[in-house]
Amino acid sequence: MLSKELAAKVKGQISEQTVSEMVEHFFRHGNTFLLLELLSLRKEVESLREELNQSDDKQNALRRMLIK
Protein backbone atom coordinates (compact mmCIF):
# COMPACT_ATOMS: atom_id res chain seq x y z
CA MET A 1 0.00 0.00 0.00
CA LEU A 2 2.73 2.47 0.96
CA SER A 3 4.78 1.73 -2.15
CA LYS A 4 1.73 2.33 -4.38
CA GLU A 5 1.07 5.69 -2.73
CA LEU A 6 4.70 6.73 -3.10
CA ALA A 7 4.84 5.50 -6.70
CA ALA A 8 1.79 7.63 -7.51
CA LYS A 9 3.47 10.71 -6.02
CA VAL A 10 6.74 10.29 -7.95
CA LYS A 11 5.21 8.92 -11.14
CA GLY A 12 7.44 9.66 -14.10
CA GLN A 13 10.49 10.41 -11.96
CA ILE A 14 11.16 7.01 -10.40
CA SER A 15 9.86 3.66 -11.58
CA GLU A 16 7.29 1.82 -9.50
CA GLN A 17 9.71 -1.10 -9.16
CA THR A 18 12.40 1.16 -7.71
CA VAL A 19 9.94 2.64 -5.22
CA SER A 20 8.77 -0.82 -4.22
CA GLU A 21 12.35 -2.00 -3.69
CA MET A 22 13.21 1.05 -1.60
CA VAL A 23 10.13 0.61 0.61
CA GLU A 24 11.00 -3.07 1.07
CA HIS A 25 14.59 -2.20 2.03
CA PHE A 26 13.31 0.39 4.48
CA PHE A 27 11.02 -2.09 6.24
CA ARG A 28 13.78 -4.72 6.38
CA HIS A 29 16.70 -2.56 7.42
CA GLY A 30 15.12 0.60 8.86
CA ASN A 31 17.86 2.76 10.35
CA THR A 32 20.61 1.38 8.13
CA PHE A 33 18.54 2.18 5.05
CA LEU A 34 17.95 5.72 6.29
CA LEU A 35 21.64 6.21 7.01
CA LEU A 36 22.61 5.07 3.51
CA GLU A 37 19.97 7.33 1.95
CA LEU A 38 21.24 10.25 4.03
CA LEU A 39 24.81 9.64 2.88
CA SER A 40 23.63 9.45 -0.71
CA LEU A 41 21.74 12.73 -0.36
CA ARG A 42 24.75 14.42 1.20
CA LYS A 43 26.88 13.40 -1.79
CA GLU A 44 24.24 14.74 -4.14
CA VAL A 45 24.03 18.05 -2.24
CA GLU A 46 27.81 18.39 -2.33
CA SER A 47 27.82 17.75 -6.07
CA LEU A 48 25.14 20.40 -6.59
CA ARG A 49 27.11 22.88 -4.47
CA GLU A 50 30.18 22.30 -6.62
CA GLU A 51 28.14 22.90 -9.77
CA LEU A 52 26.77 26.14 -8.32
CA ASN A 53 30.24 27.30 -7.32
CA GLN A 54 31.58 26.58 -10.80
CA SER A 55 28.68 28.50 -12.33
CA ASP A 56 29.29 31.43 -9.97
CA ASP A 57 33.00 31.40 -10.83
CA LYS A 58 32.19 31.54 -14.54
CA GLN A 59 29.73 34.41 -14.02
CA ASN A 60 32.24 36.35 -11.94
CA ALA A 61 34.95 35.85 -14.56
CA LEU A 62 32.60 37.07 -17.28
CA ARG A 63 31.66 40.13 -15.22
CA ARG A 64 35.34 40.97 -14.68
CA MET A 65 35.97 40.69 -18.42
CA LEU A 66 33.03 42.96 -19.23
CA ILE A 67 33.98 45.58 -16.62
CA LYS A 68 37.56 45.97 -17.90
PDB file of N, CA and C in Angstrom:
ATOM      1  N   MET A   1       0.820  -1.193   0.000  1.00  0.00           N
ATOM      2  CA  MET A   1       0.000   0.000   0.000  1.00  0.00           C
ATOM      3  C   MET A   1       0.867   1.261   0.000  1.00  0.00           C
ATOM      4  N   LEU A   2       1.854   1.310   0.876  1.00  0.00           N
ATOM      5  CA  LEU A   2       2.729   2.474   0.958  1.00  0.00           C
ATOM      6  C   LEU A   2       3.488   2.678  -0.345  1.00  0.00           C
ATOM      7  N   SER A   3       4.010   1.591  -0.915  1.00  0.00           N
ATOM      8  CA  SER A   3       4.778   1.733  -2.151  1.00  0.00           C
ATOM      9  C   SER A   3       3.901   2.243  -3.291  1.00  0.00           C
ATOM     10  N   LYS A   4       2.629   1.841  -3.326  1.00  0.00           N
ATOM     11  CA  LYS A   4       1.727   2.327  -4.375  1.00  0.00           C
ATOM     12  C   LYS A   4       1.464   3.819  -4.214  1.00  0.00           C
ATOM     13  N   GLU A   5       1.289   4.265  -2.982  1.00  0.00           N
ATOM     14  CA  GLU A   5       1.067   5.693  -2.727  1.00  0.00           C
ATOM     15  C   GLU A   5       2.291   6.506  -3.130  1.00  0.00           C
ATOM     16  N   LEU A   6       3.467   6.025  -2.751  1.00  0.00           N
ATOM     17  CA  LEU A   6       4.696   6.732  -3.101  1.00  0.00           C
ATOM     18  C   LEU A   6       4.917   6.730  -4.602  1.00  0.00           C
ATOM     19  N   ALA A   7       4.665   5.598  -5.246  1.00  0.00           N
ATOM     20  CA  ALA A   7       4.837   5.499  -6.695  1.00  0.00           C
ATOM     21  C   ALA A   7       3.926   6.491  -7.409  1.00  0.00           C
ATOM     22  N   ALA A   8       2.721   6.669  -6.905  1.00  0.00           N
ATOM     23  CA  ALA A   8       1.790   7.625  -7.510  1.00  0.00           C
ATOM     24  C   ALA A   8       2.309   9.056  -7.371  1.00  0.00           C
ATOM     25  N   LYS A   9       2.966   9.352  -6.253  1.00  0.00           N
ATOM     26  CA  LYS A   9       3.474  10.706  -6.019  1.00  0.00           C
ATOM     27  C   LYS A   9       4.686  11.030  -6.883  1.00  0.00           C
ATOM     28  N   VAL A  10       5.513  10.041  -7.183  1.00  0.00           N
ATOM     29  CA  VAL A  10       6.739  10.288  -7.951  1.00  0.00           C
ATOM     30  C   VAL A  10       6.645   9.731  -9.365  1.00  0.00           C
ATOM     31  N   LYS A  11       5.438   9.502  -9.821  1.00  0.00           N
ATOM     32  CA  LYS A  11       5.212   8.919 -11.140  1.00  0.00           C
ATOM     33  C   LYS A  11       5.960   9.717 -12.207  1.00  0.00           C
ATOM     34  N   GLY A  12       6.687   9.014 -13.038  1.00  0.00           N
ATOM     35  CA  GLY A  12       7.443   9.655 -14.100  1.00  0.00           C
ATOM     36  C   GLY A  12       8.864  10.012 -13.701  1.00  0.00           C
ATOM     37  N   GLN A  13       9.146  10.075 -12.417  1.00  0.00           N
ATOM     38  CA  GLN A  13      10.488  10.409 -11.957  1.00  0.00           C
ATOM     39  C   GLN A  13      11.249   9.161 -11.535  1.00  0.00           C
ATOM     40  N   ILE A  14      10.569   8.254 -10.875  1.00  0.00           N
ATOM     41  CA  ILE A  14      11.165   7.006 -10.395  1.00  0.00           C
ATOM     42  C   ILE A  14      10.197   5.884 -10.736  1.00  0.00           C
ATOM     43  N   SER A  15      10.736   4.774 -11.199  1.00  0.00           N
ATOM     44  CA  SER A  15       9.860   3.662 -11.578  1.00  0.00           C
ATOM     45  C   SER A  15       9.179   3.056 -10.354  1.00  0.00           C
ATOM     46  N   GLU A  16       8.036   2.447 -10.590  1.00  0.00           N
ATOM     47  CA  GLU A  16       7.286   1.820  -9.498  1.00  0.00           C
ATOM     48  C   GLU A  16       8.097   0.694  -8.866  1.00  0.00           C
ATOM     49  N   GLN A  17       8.876  -0.004  -9.686  1.00  0.00           N
ATOM     50  CA  GLN A  17       9.706  -1.095  -9.163  1.00  0.00           C
ATOM     51  C   GLN A  17      10.763  -0.550  -8.205  1.00  0.00           C
ATOM     52  N   THR A  18      11.390   0.549  -8.572  1.00  0.00           N
ATOM     53  CA  THR A  18      12.403   1.156  -7.707  1.00  0.00           C
ATOM     54  C   THR A  18      11.795   1.591  -6.386  1.00  0.00           C
ATOM     55  N   VAL A  19      10.629   2.217  -6.445  1.00  0.00           N
ATOM     56  CA  VAL A  19       9.944   2.645  -5.219  1.00  0.00           C
ATOM     57  C   VAL A  19       9.633   1.439  -4.350  1.00  0.00           C
ATOM     58  N   SER A  20       9.120   0.390  -4.961  1.00  0.00           N
ATOM     59  CA  SER A  20       8.771  -0.825  -4.223  1.00  0.00           C
ATOM     60  C   SER A  20       9.997  -1.423  -3.542  1.00  0.00           C
ATOM     61  N   GLU A  21      11.117  -1.462  -4.260  1.00  0.00           N
ATOM     62  CA  GLU A  21      12.355  -2.000  -3.687  1.00  0.00           C
ATOM     63  C   GLU A  21      12.830  -1.150  -2.517  1.00  0.00           C
ATOM     64  N   MET A  22      12.750   0.166  -2.671  1.00  0.00           N
ATOM     65  CA  MET A  22      13.206   1.052  -1.601  1.00  0.00           C
ATOM     66  C   MET A  22      12.337   0.908  -0.355  1.00  0.00           C
ATOM     67  N   VAL A  23      11.027   0.796  -0.532  1.00  0.00           N
ATOM     68  CA  VAL A  23      10.129   0.606   0.609  1.00  0.00           C
ATOM     69  C   VAL A  23      10.437  -0.717   1.292  1.00  0.00           C
ATOM     70  N   GLU A  24      10.674  -1.753   0.499  1.00  0.00           N
ATOM     71  CA  GLU A  24      10.995  -3.071   1.067  1.00  0.00           C
ATOM     72  C   GLU A  24      12.293  -3.011   1.867  1.00  0.00           C
ATOM     73  N   HIS A  25      13.320  -2.345   1.305  1.00  0.00           N
ATOM     74  CA  HIS A  25      14.592  -2.204   2.028  1.00  0.00           C
ATOM     75  C   HIS A  25      14.387  -1.436   3.330  1.00  0.00           C
ATOM     76  N   PHE A  26      13.557  -0.402   3.274  1.00  0.00           N
ATOM     77  CA  PHE A  26      13.308   0.385   4.478  1.00  0.00           C
ATOM     78  C   PHE A  26      12.693  -0.471   5.575  1.00  0.00           C
ATOM     79  N   PHE A  27      11.681  -1.268   5.224  1.00  0.00           N
ATOM     80  CA  PHE A  27      11.024  -2.092   6.241  1.00  0.00           C
ATOM     81  C   PHE A  27      11.939  -3.190   6.763  1.00  0.00           C
ATOM     82  N   ARG A  28      12.855  -3.667   5.932  1.00  0.00           N
ATOM     83  CA  ARG A  28      13.777  -4.723   6.383  1.00  0.00           C
ATOM     84  C   ARG A  28      14.909  -4.171   7.235  1.00  0.00           C
ATOM     85  N   HIS A  29      15.464  -3.035   6.810  1.00  0.00           N
ATOM     86  CA  HIS A  29      16.704  -2.557   7.419  1.00  0.00           C
ATOM     87  C   HIS A  29      16.573  -1.228   8.153  1.00  0.00           C
ATOM     88  N   GLY A  30      15.418  -0.603   8.095  1.00  0.00           N
ATOM     89  CA  GLY A  30      15.119   0.603   8.855  1.00  0.00           C
ATOM     90  C   GLY A  30      16.214   1.637   8.943  1.00  0.00           C
ATOM     91  N   ASN A  31      16.874   1.712  10.090  1.00  0.00           N
ATOM     92  CA  ASN A  31      17.862   2.758  10.354  1.00  0.00           C
ATOM     93  C   ASN A  31      19.049   2.701   9.407  1.00  0.00           C
ATOM     94  N   THR A  32      19.484   1.512   9.062  1.00  0.00           N
ATOM     95  CA  THR A  32      20.609   1.379   8.133  1.00  0.00           C
ATOM     96  C   THR A  32      20.229   1.949   6.775  1.00  0.00           C
ATOM     97  N   PHE A  33      19.025   1.646   6.327  1.00  0.00           N
ATOM     98  CA  PHE A  33      18.540   2.180   5.053  1.00  0.00           C
ATOM     99  C   PHE A  33      18.522   3.702   5.087  1.00  0.00           C
ATOM    100  N   LEU A  34      18.009   4.264   6.171  1.00  0.00           N
ATOM    101  CA  LEU A  34      17.947   5.720   6.288  1.00  0.00           C
ATOM    102  C   LEU A  34      19.338   6.342   6.300  1.00  0.00           C
ATOM    103  N   LEU A  35      20.271   5.703   6.974  1.00  0.00           N
ATOM    104  CA  LEU A  35      21.639   6.205   7.010  1.00  0.00           C
ATOM    105  C   LEU A  35      22.247   6.215   5.610  1.00  0.00           C
ATOM    106  N   LEU A  36      22.067   5.136   4.866  1.00  0.00           N
ATOM    107  CA  LEU A  36      22.612   5.070   3.511  1.00  0.00           C
ATOM    108  C   LEU A  36      21.960   6.107   2.597  1.00  0.00           C
ATOM    109  N   GLU A  37      20.661   6.309   2.746  1.00  0.00           N
ATOM    110  CA  GLU A  37      19.970   7.328   1.954  1.00  0.00           C
ATOM    111  C   GLU A  37      20.485   8.719   2.313  1.00  0.00           C
ATOM    112  N   LEU A  38      20.716   8.960   3.593  1.00  0.00           N
ATOM    113  CA  LEU A  38      21.240  10.248   4.035  1.00  0.00           C
ATOM    114  C   LEU A  38      22.623  10.499   3.442  1.00  0.00           C
ATOM    115  N   LEU A  39      23.475   9.496   3.461  1.00  0.00           N
ATOM    116  CA  LEU A  39      24.808   9.635   2.880  1.00  0.00           C
ATOM    117  C   LEU A  39      24.726   9.916   1.386  1.00  0.00           C
ATOM    118  N   SER A  40      23.827   9.237   0.718  1.00  0.00           N
ATOM    119  CA  SER A  40      23.634   9.453  -0.714  1.00  0.00           C
ATOM    120  C   SER A  40      23.164  10.879  -0.990  1.00  0.00           C
ATOM    121  N   LEU A  41      22.236  11.360  -0.188  1.00  0.00           N
ATOM    122  CA  LEU A  41      21.742  12.725  -0.363  1.00  0.00           C
ATOM    123  C   LEU A  41      22.827  13.756  -0.080  1.00  0.00           C
ATOM    124  N   ARG A  42      23.656  13.490   0.905  1.00  0.00           N
ATOM    125  CA  ARG A  42      24.755  14.421   1.202  1.00  0.00           C
ATOM    126  C   ARG A  42      25.708  14.524   0.020  1.00  0.00           C
ATOM    127  N   LYS A  43      26.013  13.388  -0.606  1.00  0.00           N
ATOM    128  CA  LYS A  43      26.882  13.402  -1.788  1.00  0.00           C
ATOM    129  C   LYS A  43      26.240  14.203  -2.913  1.00  0.00           C
ATOM    130  N   GLU A  44      24.946  14.021  -3.090  1.00  0.00           N
ATOM    131  CA  GLU A  44      24.235  14.744  -4.140  1.00  0.00           C
ATOM    132  C   GLU A  44      24.229  16.241  -3.861  1.00  0.00           C
ATOM    133  N   VAL A  45      24.010  16.630  -2.616  1.00  0.00           N
ATOM    134  CA  VAL A  45      24.031  18.046  -2.242  1.00  0.00           C
ATOM    135  C   VAL A  45      25.416  18.632  -2.482  1.00  0.00           C
ATOM    136  N   GLU A  46      26.447  17.910  -2.119  1.00  0.00           N
ATOM    137  CA  GLU A  46      27.815  18.391  -2.330  1.00  0.00           C
ATOM    138  C   GLU A  46      28.100  18.578  -3.819  1.00  0.00           C
ATOM    139  N   SER A  47      27.649  17.651  -4.622  1.00  0.00           N
ATOM    140  CA  SER A  47      27.820  17.755  -6.069  1.00  0.00           C
ATOM    141  C   SER A  47      27.099  18.984  -6.619  1.00  0.00           C
ATOM    142  N   LEU A  48      25.889  19.224  -6.145  1.00  0.00           N
ATOM    143  CA  LEU A  48      25.140  20.402  -6.590  1.00  0.00           C
ATOM    144  C   LEU A  48      25.813  21.695  -6.139  1.00  0.00           C
ATOM    145  N   ARG A  49      26.382  21.692  -4.943  1.00  0.00           N
ATOM    146  CA  ARG A  49      27.108  22.878  -4.465  1.00  0.00           C
ATOM    147  C   ARG A  49      28.303  23.169  -5.363  1.00  0.00           C
ATOM    148  N   GLU A  50      29.030  22.123  -5.733  1.00  0.00           N
ATOM    149  CA  GLU A  50      30.183  22.303  -6.615  1.00  0.00           C
ATOM    150  C   GLU A  50      29.751  22.873  -7.959  1.00  0.00           C
ATOM    151  N   GLU A  51      28.650  22.375  -8.501  1.00  0.00           N
ATOM    152  CA  GLU A  51      28.136  22.900  -9.768  1.00  0.00           C
ATOM    153  C   GLU A  51      27.782  24.375  -9.637  1.00  0.00           C
ATOM    154  N   LEU A  52      27.125  24.738  -8.542  1.00  0.00           N
ATOM    155  CA  LEU A  52      26.767  26.141  -8.323  1.00  0.00           C
ATOM    156  C   LEU A  52      28.007  27.018  -8.195  1.00  0.00           C
ATOM    157  N   ASN A  53      29.006  26.537  -7.477  1.00  0.00           N
ATOM    158  CA  ASN A  53      30.240  27.304  -7.321  1.00  0.00           C
ATOM    159  C   ASN A  53      30.931  27.501  -8.658  1.00  0.00           C
ATOM    160  N   GLN A  54      30.958  26.467  -9.486  1.00  0.00           N
ATOM    161  CA  GLN A  54      31.576  26.584 -10.804  1.00  0.00           C
ATOM    162  C   GLN A  54      30.822  27.595 -11.658  1.00  0.00           C
ATOM    163  N   SER A  55      29.505  27.556 -11.572  1.00  0.00           N
ATOM    164  CA  SER A  55      28.679  28.502 -12.325  1.00  0.00           C
ATOM    165  C   SER A  55      28.929  29.926 -11.842  1.00  0.00           C
ATOM    166  N   ASP A  56      29.007  30.104 -10.531  1.00  0.00           N
ATOM    167  CA  ASP A  56      29.291  31.429  -9.968  1.00  0.00           C
ATOM    168  C   ASP A  56      30.664  31.919 -10.405  1.00  0.00           C
ATOM    169  N   ASP A  57      31.651  31.030 -10.400  1.00  0.00           N
ATOM    170  CA  ASP A  57      32.999  31.400 -10.826  1.00  0.00           C
ATOM    171  C   ASP A  57      33.001  31.860 -12.281  1.00  0.00           C
ATOM    172  N   LYS A  58      32.263  31.160 -13.126  1.00  0.00           N
ATOM    173  CA  LYS A  58      32.186  31.538 -14.540  1.00  0.00           C
ATOM    174  C   LYS A  58      31.517  32.897 -14.697  1.00  0.00           C
ATOM    175  N   GLN A  59      30.427  33.122 -13.946  1.00  0.00           N
ATOM    176  CA  GLN A  59      29.727  34.406 -14.024  1.00  0.00           C
ATOM    177  C   GLN A  59      30.617  35.541 -13.542  1.00  0.00           C
ATOM    178  N   ASN A  60      31.347  35.315 -12.466  1.00  0.00           N
ATOM    179  CA  ASN A  60      32.241  36.353 -11.943  1.00  0.00           C
ATOM    180  C   ASN A  60      33.355  36.659 -12.930  1.00  0.00           C
ATOM    181  N   ALA A  61      33.895  35.640 -13.568  1.00  0.00           N
ATOM    182  CA  ALA A  61      34.949  35.849 -14.557  1.00  0.00           C
ATOM    183  C   ALA A  61      34.412  36.649 -15.741  1.00  0.00           C
ATOM    184  N   LEU A  62      33.210  36.335 -16.170  1.00  0.00           N
ATOM    185  CA  LEU A  62      32.603  37.067 -17.280  1.00  0.00           C
ATOM    186  C   LEU A  62      32.357  38.522 -16.894  1.00  0.00           C
ATOM    187  N   ARG A  63      31.886  38.756 -15.689  1.00  0.00           N
ATOM    188  CA  ARG A  63      31.660  40.134 -15.221  1.00  0.00           C
ATOM    189  C   ARG A  63      32.963  40.925 -15.205  1.00  0.00           C
ATOM    190  N   ARG A  64      34.038  40.285 -14.729  1.00  0.00           N
ATOM    191  CA  ARG A  64      35.336  40.967 -14.684  1.00  0.00           C
ATOM    192  C   ARG A  64      35.805  41.327 -16.083  1.00  0.00           C
ATOM    193  N   MET A  65      35.565  40.420 -17.039  1.00  0.00           N
ATOM    194  CA  MET A  65      35.973  40.695 -18.419  1.00  0.00           C
ATOM    195  C   MET A  65      35.167  41.860 -18.996  1.00  0.00           C
ATOM    196  N   LEU A  66      33.884  41.909 -18.688  1.00  0.00           N
ATOM    197  CA  LEU A  66      33.029  42.963 -19.229  1.00  0.00           C
ATOM    198  C   LEU A  66      33.314  44.320 -18.597  1.00  0.00           C
ATOM    199  N   ILE A  67      33.717  44.329 -17.328  1.00  0.00           N
ATOM    200  CA  ILE A  67      33.983  45.581 -16.620  1.00  0.00           C
ATOM    201  C   ILE A  67      35.281  46.211 -17.102  1.00  0.00           C
ATOM    202  N   LYS A  68      36.252  45.430 -17.480  1.00  0.00           N
ATOM    203  CA  LYS A  68      37.559  45.967 -17.903  1.00  0.00           C
ATOM    204  C   LYS A  68      37.455  46.764 -19.133  1.00  0.00           C
TER     205      LYS A  68
END
